[in-house]
Every structure is written in structure tokens, then in C-alpha cells.
Amino acid sequence: STTLTDVIMGTKKLNEALANAKKPRPADPKIAELEADIKEAEKPIPEDYKLAQLRKDAALSEQQKSQKRLTAAQDIAWAIINTPAFLFNR
């Protein structure tokens, strides 16, 4: 036969077991490592310097194609400035 004290003791043990079951589980170190890897993978990839330079050059080339007269005038001015006679006399 079960006595009242046995029932109370059983209830206490069940309440303790329930309290222990409700406690948060300790953090898994592998999960923290994987989360750090995810943060590292989410960082943006830096743009390659050569690719950025090629994009700038292509944009400048497109701009020069739309301003043919200005580009021609600049080319003629540089050709005159870089002649030996101009360099020698100036």
C-alpha cells in the first residue's frame, strides 16, 4: 500500500525532473563554429582590382565614342604637344 509520504516524495521527484527538463540545453560548440562559418560566408566578396579597372576603361571608351569631336581634338592636341619640334622649342 502507498502512503501519503510516498506520494508526496514521488511528486517532488517528478517536479524536480520536470524542472530539469525545462532547463535550456548547454550550447553545442559545433553549432557556434558553424554559425561563425555562415557569418564568414555571408560577407561580400571584394571586387577584383583588375576587373574594376576594366569596367572603368570600358565606360570611358563608351563615353569617348559618344564625343568623337572632343576625342579627336584631344588626340590632335597631344600629337602636337609630343612632337620633337614642340618639345625642343618649349
PDB file of N, CA and C in Angstrom:
ATOM      1  N   SER A   1       0.833  -1.161   0.000  1.00  0.00           N
ATOM      2  CA  SER A   1       0.000   0.000   0.000  1.00  0.00           C
ATOM      3  C   SER A   1       0.889   1.240   0.000  1.00  0.00           C
ATOM      4  N   THR A   2       0.438   2.276  -0.649  1.00  0.00           N
ATOM      5  CA  THR A   2       1.183   3.517  -0.794  1.00  0.00           C
ATOM      6  C   THR A   2       0.701   4.505   0.252  1.00  0.00           C
ATOM      7  N   THR A   3       1.692   5.097   0.905  1.00  0.00           N
ATOM      8  CA  THR A   3       1.337   6.071   1.936  1.00  0.00           C
ATOM      9  C   THR A   3       1.364   7.467   1.343  1.00  0.00           C
ATOM     10  N   LEU A   4       0.856   8.361   2.098  1.00  0.00           N
ATOM     11  CA  LEU A   4       0.805   9.759   1.656  1.00  0.00           C
ATOM     12  C   LEU A   4       2.207  10.320   1.481  1.00  0.00           C
ATOM     13  N   THR A   5       3.135   9.987   2.312  1.00  0.00           N
ATOM     14  CA  THR A   5       4.513  10.486   2.195  1.00  0.00           C
ATOM     15  C   THR A   5       5.166   9.945   0.932  1.00  0.00           C
ATOM     16  N   ASP A   6       4.855   8.701   0.544  1.00  0.00           N
ATOM     17  CA  ASP A   6       5.397   8.137  -0.694  1.00  0.00           C
ATOM     18  C   ASP A   6       4.872   8.915  -1.904  1.00  0.00           C
ATOM     19  N   VAL A   7       3.616   9.276  -1.863  1.00  0.00           N
ATOM     20  CA  VAL A   7       3.011  10.042  -2.958  1.00  0.00           C
ATOM     21  C   VAL A   7       3.654  11.426  -3.032  1.00  0.00           C
ATOM     22  N   ILE A   8       3.860  12.058  -1.882  1.00  0.00           N
ATOM     23  CA  ILE A   8       4.461  13.389  -1.850  1.00  0.00           C
ATOM     24  C   ILE A   8       5.902  13.327  -2.353  1.00  0.00           C
ATOM     25  N   MET A   9       6.641  12.313  -1.937  1.00  0.00           N
ATOM     26  CA  MET A   9       8.031  12.146  -2.381  1.00  0.00           C
ATOM     27  C   MET A   9       8.076  11.892  -3.891  1.00  0.00           C
ATOM     28  N   GLY A  10       7.165  11.096  -4.377  1.00  0.00           N
ATOM     29  CA  GLY A  10       7.096  10.820  -5.815  1.00  0.00           C
ATOM     30  C   GLY A  10       6.767  12.084  -6.602  1.00  0.00           C
ATOM     31  N   THR A  11       5.884  12.896  -6.054  1.00  0.00           N
ATOM     32  CA  THR A  11       5.514  14.149  -6.703  1.00  0.00           C
ATOM     33  C   THR A  11       6.701  15.106  -6.716  1.00  0.00           C
ATOM     34  N   LYS A  12       7.448  15.160  -5.617  1.00  0.00           N
ATOM     35  CA  LYS A  12       8.631  16.018  -5.569  1.00  0.00           C
ATOM     36  C   LYS A  12       9.648  15.585  -6.625  1.00  0.00           C
ATOM     37  N   LYS A  13       9.875  14.286  -6.731  1.00  0.00           N
ATOM     38  CA  LYS A  13      10.826  13.780  -7.721  1.00  0.00           C
ATOM     39  C   LYS A  13      10.361  14.107  -9.135  1.00  0.00           C
ATOM     40  N   LEU A  14       9.068  13.976  -9.381  1.00  0.00           N
ATOM     41  CA  LEU A  14       8.537  14.306 -10.700  1.00  0.00           C
ATOM     42  C   LEU A  14       8.672  15.799 -10.991  1.00  0.00           C
ATOM     43  N   ASN A  15       8.412  16.644  -9.982  1.00  0.00           N
ATOM     44  CA  ASN A  15       8.555  18.092 -10.168  1.00  0.00           C
ATOM     45  C   ASN A  15      10.013  18.474 -10.440  1.00  0.00           C
ATOM     46  N   GLU A  16      10.948  17.834  -9.733  1.00  0.00           N
ATOM     47  CA  GLU A  16      12.369  18.087  -9.974  1.00  0.00           C
ATOM     48  C   GLU A  16      12.771  17.642 -11.378  1.00  0.00           C
ATOM     49  N   ALA A  17      12.276  16.494 -11.787  1.00  0.00           N
ATOM     50  CA  ALA A  17      12.576  16.001 -13.130  1.00  0.00           C
ATOM     51  C   ALA A  17      12.010  16.956 -14.189  1.00  0.00           C
ATOM     52  N   LEU A  18      10.819  17.463 -13.942  1.00  0.00           N
ATOM     53  CA  LEU A  18      10.200  18.414 -14.867  1.00  0.00           C
ATOM     54  C   LEU A  18      11.004  19.713 -14.919  1.00  0.00           C
ATOM     55  N   ALA A  19      11.459  20.206 -13.774  1.00  0.00           N
ATOM     56  CA  ALA A  19      12.257  21.435 -13.731  1.00  0.00           C
ATOM     57  C   ALA A  19      13.573  21.241 -14.477  1.00  0.00           C
ATOM     58  N   ASN A  20      14.197  20.092 -14.300  1.00  0.00           N
ATOM     59  CA  ASN A  20      15.444  19.800 -15.015  1.00  0.00           C
ATOM     60  C   ASN A  20      15.212  19.693 -16.523  1.00  0.00           C
ATOM     61  N   ALA A  21      14.065  19.149 -16.898  1.00  0.00           N
ATOM     62  CA  ALA A  21      13.757  19.008 -18.323  1.00  0.00           C
ATOM     63  C   ALA A  21      13.499  20.369 -18.967  1.00  0.00           C
ATOM     64  N   LYS A  22      13.031  21.347 -18.210  1.00  0.00           N
ATOM     65  CA  LYS A  22      12.733  22.677 -18.749  1.00  0.00           C
ATOM     66  C   LYS A  22      13.970  23.564 -18.850  1.00  0.00           C
ATOM     67  N   LYS A  23      15.072  23.171 -18.217  1.00  0.00           N
ATOM     68  CA  LYS A  23      16.293  23.974 -18.278  1.00  0.00           C
ATOM     69  C   LYS A  23      16.824  23.973 -19.717  1.00  0.00           C
ATOM     70  N   PRO A  24      17.403  25.092 -20.152  1.00  0.00           N
ATOM     71  CA  PRO A  24      17.953  25.123 -21.508  1.00  0.00           C
ATOM     72  C   PRO A  24      19.165  24.204 -21.618  1.00  0.00           C
ATOM     73  N   ARG A  25      19.305  23.642 -22.777  1.00  0.00           N
ATOM     74  CA  ARG A  25      20.432  22.735 -23.002  1.00  0.00           C
ATOM     75  C   ARG A  25      21.700  23.553 -23.172  1.00  0.00           C
ATOM     76  N   PRO A  26      22.843  23.003 -22.791  1.00  0.00           N
ATOM     77  CA  PRO A  26      24.102  23.741 -22.974  1.00  0.00           C
ATOM     78  C   PRO A  26      24.379  23.942 -24.459  1.00  0.00           C
ATOM     79  N   ALA A  27      25.046  25.050 -24.778  1.00  0.00           N
ATOM     80  CA  ALA A  27      25.344  25.376 -26.177  1.00  0.00           C
ATOM     81  C   ALA A  27      26.346  24.372 -26.743  1.00  0.00           C
ATOM     82  N   ASP A  28      26.046  23.928 -27.934  1.00  0.00           N
ATOM     83  CA  ASP A  28      26.924  22.978 -28.609  1.00  0.00           C
ATOM     84  C   ASP A  28      28.048  23.758 -29.296  1.00  0.00           C
ATOM     85  N   PRO A  29      29.305  23.447 -29.020  1.00  0.00           N
ATOM     86  CA  PRO A  29      30.404  24.204 -29.631  1.00  0.00           C
ATOM     87  C   PRO A  29      30.439  24.056 -31.163  1.00  0.00           C
ATOM     88  N   LYS A  30      29.988  22.942 -31.672  1.00  0.00           N
ATOM     89  CA  LYS A  30      29.972  22.744 -33.127  1.00  0.00           C
ATOM     90  C   LYS A  30      28.986  23.705 -33.791  1.00  0.00           C
ATOM     91  N   ILE A  31      27.841  23.955 -33.127  1.00  0.00           N
ATOM     92  CA  ILE A  31      26.853  24.886 -33.686  1.00  0.00           C
ATOM     93  C   ILE A  31      27.436  26.293 -33.721  1.00  0.00           C
ATOM     94  N   ALA A  32      28.149  26.697 -32.671  1.00  0.00           N
ATOM     95  CA  ALA A  32      28.776  28.019 -32.651  1.00  0.00           C
ATOM     96  C   ALA A  32      29.808  28.136 -33.773  1.00  0.00           C
ATOM     97  N   GLU A  33      30.556  27.074 -34.003  1.00  0.00           N
ATOM     98  CA  GLU A  33      31.554  27.067 -35.081  1.00  0.00           C
ATOM     99  C   GLU A  33      30.886  27.189 -36.451  1.00  0.00           C
ATOM    100  N   LEU A  34      29.791  26.456 -36.642  1.00  0.00           N
ATOM    101  CA  LEU A  34      29.073  26.519 -37.917  1.00  0.00           C
ATOM    102  C   LEU A  34      28.443  27.889 -38.141  1.00  0.00           C
ATOM    103  N   GLU A  35      27.915  28.508 -37.079  1.00  0.00           N
ATOM    104  CA  GLU A  35      27.341  29.850 -37.209  1.00  0.00           C
ATOM    105  C   GLU A  35      28.417  30.866 -37.581  1.00  0.00           C
ATOM    106  N   ALA A  36      29.614  30.711 -37.023  1.00  0.00           N
ATOM    107  CA  ALA A  36      30.728  31.601 -37.378  1.00  0.00           C
ATOM    108  C   ALA A  36      31.103  31.410 -38.847  1.00  0.00           C
ATOM    109  N   ASP A  37      31.080  30.168 -39.318  1.00  0.00           N
ATOM    110  CA  ASP A  37      31.368  29.895 -40.733  1.00  0.00           C
ATOM    111  C   ASP A  37      30.312  30.523 -41.638  1.00  0.00           C
ATOM    112  N   ILE A  38      29.055  30.486 -41.213  1.00  0.00           N
ATOM    113  CA  ILE A  38      27.978  31.090 -42.002  1.00  0.00           C
ATOM    114  C   ILE A  38      28.176  32.599 -42.094  1.00  0.00           C
ATOM    115  N   LYS A  39      28.525  33.246 -40.971  1.00  0.00           N
ATOM    116  CA  LYS A  39      28.762  34.694 -40.991  1.00  0.00           C
ATOM    117  C   LYS A  39      29.917  35.035 -41.917  1.00  0.00           C
ATOM    118  N   GLU A  40      30.949  34.230 -41.905  1.00  0.00           N
ATOM    119  CA  GLU A  40      32.101  34.462 -42.789  1.00  0.00           C
ATOM    120  C   GLU A  40      31.699  34.303 -44.252  1.00  0.00           C
ATOM    121  N   ALA A  41      30.862  33.311 -44.540  1.00  0.00           N
ATOM    122  CA  ALA A  41      30.431  33.067 -45.917  1.00  0.00           C
ATOM    123  C   ALA A  41      29.475  34.144 -46.413  1.00  0.00           C
ATOM    124  N   GLU A  42      28.773  34.834 -45.514  1.00  0.00           N
ATOM    125  CA  GLU A  42      27.819  35.873 -45.916  1.00  0.00           C
ATOM    126  C   GLU A  42      28.492  37.200 -46.224  1.00  0.00           C
ATOM    127  N   LYS A  43      29.761  37.349 -45.915  1.00  0.00           N
ATOM    128  CA  LYS A  43      30.463  38.594 -46.207  1.00  0.00           C
ATOM    129  C   LYS A  43      30.570  38.760 -47.722  1.00  0.00           C
ATOM    130  N   PRO A  44      30.435  40.007 -48.208  1.00  0.00           N
ATOM    131  CA  PRO A  44      30.538  40.200 -49.654  1.00  0.00           C
ATOM    132  C   PRO A  44      31.960  39.951 -50.153  1.00  0.00           C
ATOM    133  N   ILE A  45      32.044  39.435 -51.350  1.00  0.00           N
ATOM    134  CA  ILE A  45      33.346  39.165 -51.955  1.00  0.00           C
ATOM    135  C   ILE A  45      33.895  40.475 -52.503  1.00  0.00           C
ATOM    136  N   PRO A  46      35.129  40.828 -52.148  1.00  0.00           N
ATOM    137  CA  PRO A  46      35.676  42.082 -52.672  1.00  0.00           C
ATOM    138  C   PRO A  46      35.878  41.988 -54.187  1.00  0.00           C
ATOM    139  N   GLU A  47      35.618  43.116 -54.867  1.00  0.00           N
ATOM    140  CA  GLU A  47      35.739  43.135 -56.317  1.00  0.00           C
ATOM    141  C   GLU A  47      37.218  43.129 -56.709  1.00  0.00           C
ATOM    142  N   ASP A  48      37.531  42.364 -57.720  1.00  0.00           N
ATOM    143  CA  ASP A  48      38.896  42.271 -58.214  1.00  0.00           C
ATOM    144  C   ASP A  48      39.328  43.620 -58.778  1.00  0.00           C
ATOM    145  N   TYR A  49      40.540  44.053 -58.440  1.00  0.00           N
ATOM    146  CA  TYR A  49      41.037  45.357 -58.881  1.00  0.00           C
ATOM    147  C   TYR A  49      41.094  45.432 -60.405  1.00  0.00           C
ATOM    148  N   LYS A  50      41.593  44.382 -61.034  1.00  0.00           N
ATOM    149  CA  LYS A  50      41.717  44.402 -62.498  1.00  0.00           C
ATOM    150  C   LYS A  50      40.351  44.484 -63.165  1.00  0.00           C
ATOM    151  N   LEU A  51      39.387  43.778 -62.619  1.00  0.00           N
ATOM    152  CA  LEU A  51      38.034  43.818 -63.174  1.00  0.00           C
ATOM    153  C   LEU A  51      37.431  45.211 -63.028  1.00  0.00           C
ATOM    154  N   ALA A  52      37.635  45.844 -61.884  1.00  0.00           N
ATOM    155  CA  ALA A  52      37.125  47.200 -61.674  1.00  0.00           C
ATOM    156  C   ALA A  52      37.778  48.172 -62.650  1.00  0.00           C
ATOM    157  N   GLN A  53      39.081  48.013 -62.883  1.00  0.00           N
ATOM    158  CA  GLN A  53      39.783  48.882 -63.823  1.00  0.00           C
ATOM    159  C   GLN A  53      39.268  48.672 -65.246  1.00  0.00           C
ATOM    160  N   LEU A  54      39.024  47.423 -65.624  1.00  0.00           N
ATOM    161  CA  LEU A  54      38.482  47.146 -66.958  1.00  0.00           C
ATOM    162  C   LEU A  54      37.089  47.757 -67.132  1.00  0.00           C
ATOM    163  N   ARG A  55      36.277  47.695 -66.099  1.00  0.00           N
ATOM    164  CA  ARG A  55      34.939  48.296 -66.181  1.00  0.00           C
ATOM    165  C   ARG A  55      35.035  49.810 -66.348  1.00  0.00           C
ATOM    166  N   LYS A  56      35.964  50.450 -65.608  1.00  0.00           N
ATOM    167  CA  LYS A  56      36.148  51.897 -65.756  1.00  0.00           C
ATOM    168  C   LYS A  56      36.621  52.241 -67.161  1.00  0.00           C
ATOM    169  N   ASP A  57      37.569  51.453 -67.668  1.00  0.00           N
ATOM    170  CA  ASP A  57      38.090  51.698 -69.012  1.00  0.00           C
ATOM    171  C   ASP A  57      37.005  51.539 -70.066  1.00  0.00           C
ATOM    172  N   ALA A  58      36.161  50.536 -69.915  1.00  0.00           N
ATOM    173  CA  ALA A  58      35.068  50.328 -70.867  1.00  0.00           C
ATOM    174  C   ALA A  58      34.079  51.486 -70.829  1.00  0.00           C
ATOM    175  N   ALA A  59      33.780  51.988 -69.632  1.00  0.00           N
ATOM    176  CA  ALA A  59      32.863  53.127 -69.513  1.00  0.00           C
ATOM    177  C   ALA A  59      33.465  54.374 -70.157  1.00  0.00           C
ATOM    178  N   LEU A  60      34.754  54.600 -69.961  1.00  0.00           N
ATOM    179  CA  LEU A  60      35.422  55.742 -70.572  1.00  0.00           C
ATOM    180  C   LEU A  60      35.435  55.621 -72.093  1.00  0.00           C
ATOM    181  N   SER A  61      35.667  54.415 -72.571  1.00  0.00           N
ATOM    182  CA  SER A  61      35.653  54.177 -74.020  1.00  0.00           C
ATOM    183  C   SER A  61      34.275  54.472 -74.605  1.00  0.00           C
ATOM    184  N   GLU A  62      33.230  54.052 -73.920  1.00  0.00           N
ATOM    185  CA  GLU A  62      31.867  54.338 -74.385  1.00  0.00           C
ATOM    186  C   GLU A  62      31.609  55.845 -74.398  1.00  0.00           C
ATOM    187  N   GLN A  63      32.104  56.542 -73.399  1.00  0.00           N
ATOM    188  CA  GLN A  63      31.935  57.992 -73.330  1.00  0.00           C
ATOM    189  C   GLN A  63      32.676  58.663 -74.488  1.00  0.00           C
ATOM    190  N   GLN A  64      33.882  58.190 -74.792  1.00  0.00           N
ATOM    191  CA  GLN A  64      34.649  58.774 -75.882  1.00  0.00           C
ATOM    192  C   GLN A  64      33.980  58.520 -77.235  1.00  0.00           C
ATOM    193  N   LYS A  65      33.337  57.364 -77.381  1.00  0.00           N
ATOM    194  CA  LYS A  65      32.646  57.080 -78.640  1.00  0.00           C
ATOM    195  C   LYS A  65      31.486  58.041 -78.866  1.00  0.00           C
ATOM    196  N   SER A  66      30.874  58.495 -77.771  1.00  0.00           N
ATOM    197  CA  SER A  66      29.741  59.411 -77.923  1.00  0.00           C
ATOM    198  C   SER A  66      30.203  60.850 -78.159  1.00  0.00           C
ATOM    199  N   GLN A  67      31.472  61.166 -77.892  1.00  0.00           N
ATOM    200  CA  GLN A  67      32.009  62.518 -78.069  1.00  0.00           C
ATOM    201  C   GLN A  67      33.192  62.470 -79.038  1.00  0.00           C
ATOM    202  N   LYS A  68      32.919  62.104 -80.277  1.00  0.00           N
ATOM    203  CA  LYS A  68      34.001  61.885 -81.247  1.00  0.00           C
ATOM    204  C   LYS A  68      34.787  63.159 -81.543  1.00  0.00           C
ATOM    205  N   ARG A  69      34.133  64.299 -81.629  1.00  0.00           N
ATOM    206  CA  ARG A  69      34.830  65.544 -81.959  1.00  0.00           C
ATOM    207  C   ARG A  69      35.791  65.947 -80.835  1.00  0.00           C
ATOM    208  N   LEU A  70      35.354  65.830 -79.600  1.00  0.00           N
ATOM    209  CA  LEU A  70      36.208  66.166 -78.470  1.00  0.00           C
ATOM    210  C   LEU A  70      37.408  65.229 -78.403  1.00  0.00           C
ATOM    211  N   THR A  71      37.179  63.951 -78.618  1.00  0.00           N
ATOM    212  CA  THR A  71      38.262  62.970 -78.588  1.00  0.00           C
ATOM    213  C   THR A  71      39.269  63.256 -79.692  1.00  0.00           C
ATOM    214  N   ALA A  72      38.783  63.596 -80.880  1.00  0.00           N
ATOM    215  CA  ALA A  72      39.685  63.906 -81.989  1.00  0.00           C
ATOM    216  C   ALA A  72      40.506  65.159 -81.678  1.00  0.00           C
ATOM    217  N   ALA A  73      39.877  66.178 -81.113  1.00  0.00           N
ATOM    218  CA  ALA A  73      40.599  67.404 -80.761  1.00  0.00           C
ATOM    219  C   ALA A  73      41.668  67.121 -79.707  1.00  0.00           C
ATOM    220  N   GLN A  74      41.360  66.296 -78.729  1.00  0.00           N
ATOM    221  CA  GLN A  74      42.341  65.938 -77.700  1.00  0.00           C
ATOM    222  C   GLN A  74      43.504  65.162 -78.314  1.00  0.00           C
ATOM    223  N   ASP A  75      43.207  64.240 -79.224  1.00  0.00           N
ATOM    224  CA  ASP A  75      44.263  63.459 -79.870  1.00  0.00           C
ATOM    225  C   ASP A  75      45.195  64.367 -80.666  1.00  0.00           C
ATOM    226  N   ILE A  76      44.618  65.323 -81.401  1.00  0.00           N
ATOM    227  CA  ILE A  76      45.447  66.246 -82.190  1.00  0.00           C
ATOM    228  C   ILE A  76      46.299  67.104 -81.264  1.00  0.00           C
ATOM    229  N   ALA A  77      45.731  67.600 -80.185  1.00  0.00           N
ATOM    230  CA  ALA A  77      46.498  68.428 -79.235  1.00  0.00           C
ATOM    231  C   ALA A  77      47.661  67.632 -78.652  1.00  0.00           C
ATOM    232  N   TRP A  78      47.451  66.391 -78.256  1.00  0.00           N
ATOM    233  CA  TRP A  78      48.534  65.576 -77.693  1.00  0.00           C
ATOM    234  C   TRP A  78      49.589  65.258 -78.749  1.00  0.00           C
ATOM    235  N   ALA A  79      49.154  65.055 -79.992  1.00  0.00           N
ATOM    236  CA  ALA A  79      50.114  64.785 -81.062  1.00  0.00           C
ATOM    237  C   ALA A  79      51.005  65.996 -81.296  1.00  0.00           C
ATOM    238  N   ILE A  80      50.438  67.191 -81.270  1.00  0.00           N
ATOM    239  CA  ILE A  80      51.230  68.410 -81.465  1.00  0.00           C
ATOM    240  C   ILE A  80      52.168  68.639 -80.285  1.00  0.00           C
ATOM    241  N   ILE A  81      51.665  68.454 -79.072  1.00  0.00           N
ATOM    242  CA  ILE A  81      52.485  68.680 -77.879  1.00  0.00           C
ATOM    243  C   ILE A  81      53.671  67.723 -77.823  1.00  0.00           C
ATOM    244  N   ASN A  82      53.505  66.507 -78.286  1.00  0.00           N
ATOM    245  CA  ASN A  82      54.559  65.494 -78.189  1.00  0.00           C
ATOM    246  C   ASN A  82      55.488  65.456 -79.392  1.00  0.00           C
ATOM    247  N   THR A  83      55.392  66.392 -80.325  1.00  0.00           N
ATOM    248  CA  THR A  83      56.324  66.417 -81.459  1.00  0.00           C
ATOM    249  C   THR A  83      57.685  66.893 -80.977  1.00  0.00           C
ATOM    250  N   PRO A  84      58.750  66.410 -81.600  1.00  0.00           N
ATOM    251  CA  PRO A  84      60.105  66.834 -81.191  1.00  0.00           C
ATOM    252  C   PRO A  84      60.305  68.348 -81.316  1.00  0.00           C
ATOM    253  N   ALA A  85      59.740  68.952 -82.352  1.00  0.00           N
ATOM    254  CA  ALA A  85      59.931  70.407 -82.539  1.00  0.00           C
ATOM    255  C   ALA A  85      59.281  71.171 -81.388  1.00  0.00           C
ATOM    256  N   PHE A  86      58.109  70.785 -80.961  1.00  0.00           N
ATOM    257  CA  PHE A  86      57.422  71.464 -79.864  1.00  0.00           C
ATOM    258  C   PHE A  86      58.170  71.261 -78.555  1.00  0.00           C
ATOM    259  N   LEU A  87      58.615  70.025 -78.316  1.00  0.00           N
ATOM    260  CA  LEU A  87      59.356  69.738 -77.076  1.00  0.00           C
ATOM    261  C   LEU A  87      60.669  70.484 -77.019  1.00  0.00           C
ATOM    262  N   PHE A  88      61.347  70.606 -78.187  1.00  0.00           N
ATOM    263  CA  PHE A  88      62.632  71.277 -78.231  1.00  0.00           C
ATOM    264  C   PHE A  88      62.506  72.785 -78.041  1.00  0.00           C
ATOM    265  N   ASN A  89      61.463  73.372 -78.635  1.00  0.00           N
ATOM    266  CA  ASN A  89      61.288  74.821 -78.572  1.00  0.00           C
ATOM    267  C   ASN A  89      60.647  75.290 -77.271  1.00  0.00           C
ATOM    268  N   ARG A  90      60.076  74.491 -76.497  1.00  0.00           N
ATOM    269  CA  ARG A  90      59.367  74.927 -75.289  1.00  0.00           C
ATOM    270  C   ARG A  90      60.148  74.544 -74.094  1.00  0.00           C
TER     271      ARG A  90
END
